[in-house]
Protein backbone atom coordinates (compact mmCIF):
# COMPACT_ATOMS: atom_id res chain seq x y z
CA UNK A 1 -9.61 -8.80 -2.11
CA UNK A 2 -10.91 -9.33 1.40
CA UNK A 3 -7.50 -8.93 3.12
CA UNK A 4 -7.02 -5.52 1.48
CA UNK A 5 -10.48 -4.35 2.53
CA UNK A 6 -10.08 -5.65 6.09
CA UNK A 7 -6.64 -4.09 6.41
CA UNK A 8 -7.98 -0.77 5.15
CA UNK A 9 -10.93 -0.98 7.53
CA UNK A 10 -8.62 -1.74 10.46
CA UNK A 11 -6.37 1.20 9.62
CA UNK A 12 -9.47 3.38 9.23
CA UNK A 13 -10.77 2.32 12.65
CA UNK A 14 -7.44 3.15 14.28
CA UNK A 15 -7.36 6.56 12.58
CA UNK A 16 -11.00 7.11 13.57
CA UNK A 17 -10.00 6.61 17.20
CA UNK A 18 -7.60 9.54 16.92
CA UNK A 19 -9.05 11.93 14.33
CA UNK A 20 -12.60 13.29 14.01
CA UNK A 21 -15.23 12.71 12.54
CA UNK A 22 -15.12 9.27 14.11
CA UNK A 23 -14.89 5.55 13.64
CA UNK A 24 -17.57 4.93 11.04
CA UNK A 25 -16.36 7.57 8.59
CA UNK A 26 -12.76 6.38 8.70
CA UNK A 27 -13.86 2.73 8.64
CA UNK A 28 -15.69 3.37 5.37
CA UNK A 29 -12.81 5.42 3.95
CA UNK A 30 -10.36 2.65 4.90
CA UNK A 31 -12.54 -0.03 3.33
CA UNK A 32 -12.87 1.90 0.09
CA UNK A 33 -9.13 2.62 0.14
CA UNK A 34 -8.37 -1.07 0.61
CA UNK A 35 -10.64 -1.97 -2.28
CA UNK A 36 -8.99 0.67 -4.48
CA UNK A 37 -5.53 -0.59 -3.52
CA UNK A 38 -6.51 -4.14 -4.43
CA UNK A 39 -7.84 -3.02 -7.80
CA UNK A 40 -4.69 -0.99 -8.46
CA UNK A 41 -2.20 -3.67 -7.45
CA UNK A 42 -4.31 -6.45 -8.95
CA UNK A 43 -4.18 -4.93 -12.40
CA UNK A 44 -0.57 -3.74 -12.26
CA UNK A 45 1.09 -6.88 -10.93
């Protein structure tokens, strides 16, 4: 689970560097997205 969340957070931080509203917002969105991806792939495969 942690690798998905960290990967999502890293992608979110990179996006936050380029697109407003900033790092923290995209960091949180990336973390939640990573968690959701883990839940989705964890139950499907």
